[in-house]
Amino acid sequence: QVQLVESGGGTVQPGGSLTLSCVASKNIFSDYDMAWYRQAPGKQREWVAKLSHRLETEYADSVKGRFTISRDYAKNMVFLFMKSLKYEDTAVYYCGAQGIYTNERFWGQGTQVTVSS
């Protein structure tokens, strides 16, 4: 079992920046691909960014060029740096881990990001 805990959410003005963090209860980066998802009110959870165990990154078109996913292997942490934030980025952001050898998937509890003037 893996626990994921997100932090770093908050309220930011349009055009602002924010960095989300996700710490895993153990080092899983060799066996799991990591990703960030988000869920806005009344909408389904959507994928935002992915960081594979091979350090390959992918981004949803809506955040490409504005968001950056990265990790700190030694600290078991994954980050999502967000810049040029827009109102439509408002959502609860979730950290997720997907096993590359298994079908296991783990989620964090989420952290709220609100973009508001």
Protein backbone atom coordinates (compact mmCIF):
# COMPACT_ATOMS: atom_id res chain seq x y z
CA GLN A 1 0.00 0.00 0.00
CA VAL A 2 1.20 3.48 -0.86
CA GLN A 3 0.01 6.71 0.71
CA LEU A 4 0.15 9.92 -1.27
CA VAL A 5 -0.27 13.30 0.39
CA GLU A 6 -0.66 16.49 -1.60
CA SER A 7 -0.01 20.01 -0.39
CA GLY A 8 0.53 23.48 -1.75
CA GLY A 9 -2.94 24.38 -2.89
CA GLY A 10 -4.45 27.77 -2.26
CA THR A 11 -5.99 30.84 -3.82
CA VAL A 12 -4.08 32.72 -6.50
CA GLN A 13 -4.91 35.53 -8.87
CA PRO A 14 -5.18 34.96 -12.61
CA GLY A 15 -1.73 34.96 -14.15
CA GLY A 16 -0.16 33.83 -10.90
CA SER A 17 1.89 30.76 -10.07
CA LEU A 18 1.62 27.92 -7.61
CA THR A 19 3.56 24.75 -6.91
CA LEU A 20 1.83 21.61 -5.69
CA SER A 21 3.71 18.86 -3.89
CA CYS A 22 2.96 15.19 -3.42
CA VAL A 23 4.92 13.00 -1.04
CA ALA A 24 4.76 9.22 -1.23
CA SER A 25 5.06 6.99 1.81
CA LYS A 26 7.90 5.11 0.13
CA ASN A 27 10.03 5.33 -2.97
CA ILE A 28 7.86 4.09 -5.80
CA PHE A 29 9.26 5.91 -8.80
CA SER A 30 10.95 2.84 -10.25
CA ASP A 31 7.70 0.87 -10.30
CA TYR A 32 5.07 3.54 -10.83
CA ASP A 33 4.26 6.28 -13.26
CA MET A 34 3.20 9.44 -11.48
CA ALA A 35 0.55 11.88 -12.59
CA TRP A 36 -1.53 14.84 -11.57
CA TYR A 37 -5.25 14.97 -12.15
CA ARG A 38 -7.84 17.60 -11.34
CA GLN A 39 -11.56 17.77 -10.78
CA ALA A 40 -13.53 20.98 -11.11
CA PRO A 41 -16.98 21.36 -9.52
CA GLY A 42 -19.57 19.49 -11.52
CA LYS A 43 -17.01 17.95 -13.84
CA GLN A 44 -15.27 14.62 -14.12
CA ARG A 45 -11.71 14.13 -12.97
CA GLU A 46 -9.31 14.87 -15.81
CA TRP A 47 -5.69 14.03 -16.37
CA VAL A 48 -3.30 17.00 -16.27
CA ALA A 49 0.30 15.78 -16.41
CA LYS A 50 2.30 12.58 -16.30
CA LEU A 51 5.85 11.72 -15.30
CA SER A 52 6.82 8.18 -16.21
CA HIS A 53 9.31 6.00 -14.37
CA ARG A 54 11.63 6.77 -17.30
CA LEU A 55 11.26 10.51 -16.68
CA GLU A 56 9.16 11.05 -19.77
CA THR A 57 6.62 13.84 -19.38
CA GLU A 58 3.25 14.42 -20.98
CA TYR A 59 0.76 17.23 -20.55
CA ALA A 60 -2.86 17.84 -21.33
CA ASP A 61 -3.27 20.40 -24.10
CA SER A 62 -5.03 22.76 -21.71
CA VAL A 63 -1.92 23.10 -19.52
CA LYS A 64 0.92 22.54 -21.99
CA GLY A 65 3.51 25.29 -21.70
CA ARG A 66 2.14 26.47 -18.37
CA PHE A 67 2.52 23.46 -16.05
CA THR A 68 5.64 21.44 -15.30
CA ILE A 69 5.76 18.08 -13.54
CA SER A 70 8.94 17.00 -11.81
CA ARG A 71 10.15 14.81 -8.99
CA ASP A 72 12.70 14.58 -6.21
CA TYR A 73 13.71 10.95 -6.12
CA ALA A 74 15.49 11.14 -2.76
CA LYS A 75 12.50 12.76 -1.05
CA ASN A 76 9.83 10.59 -2.70
CA MET A 77 8.14 13.74 -3.93
CA VAL A 78 6.42 14.82 -7.12
CA PHE A 79 5.71 18.44 -7.94
CA LEU A 80 3.44 20.35 -10.25
CA PHE A 81 4.61 23.87 -11.02
CA MET A 82 1.78 25.93 -12.44
CA LYS A 83 2.17 29.37 -13.99
CA SER A 84 -0.05 31.75 -15.93
CA LEU A 85 -2.99 30.34 -14.02
CA LYS A 86 -6.45 30.84 -15.41
CA TYR A 87 -9.91 30.80 -13.84
CA GLU A 88 -10.54 27.46 -15.51
CA ASP A 89 -7.62 25.91 -13.63
CA THR A 90 -9.71 26.06 -10.46
CA ALA A 91 -10.14 22.49 -9.22
CA VAL A 92 -9.13 19.95 -6.64
CA TYR A 93 -5.79 18.56 -7.76
CA TYR A 94 -4.92 14.93 -7.10
CA CYS A 95 -1.64 13.10 -7.20
CA GLY A 96 -1.83 9.60 -8.63
CA ALA A 97 0.49 6.62 -8.96
CA GLN A 98 -0.06 3.89 -11.55
CA GLY A 99 1.86 0.62 -11.30
CA ILE A 100 3.86 -0.26 -14.39
CA TYR A 101 3.99 -3.97 -13.56
CA THR A 102 0.62 -4.21 -11.84
CA ASN A 103 -2.81 -2.64 -12.13
CA GLU A 104 -2.40 -0.91 -8.82
CA ARG A 105 -3.38 2.72 -8.64
CA PHE A 106 -3.15 5.02 -5.65
CA TRP A 107 -4.55 8.49 -5.08
CA GLY A 108 -3.93 11.28 -2.68
CA GLN A 109 -6.70 13.13 -0.90
CA GLY A 110 -6.44 16.19 -3.13
CA THR A 111 -5.56 19.83 -2.65
CA GLN A 112 -7.76 22.75 -3.67
CA VAL A 113 -6.52 25.31 -6.17
CA THR A 114 -8.68 28.39 -6.67
CA VAL A 115 -7.89 31.02 -9.25
CA SER A 116 -9.75 34.16 -8.36
CA SER A 117 -9.32 37.90 -8.52
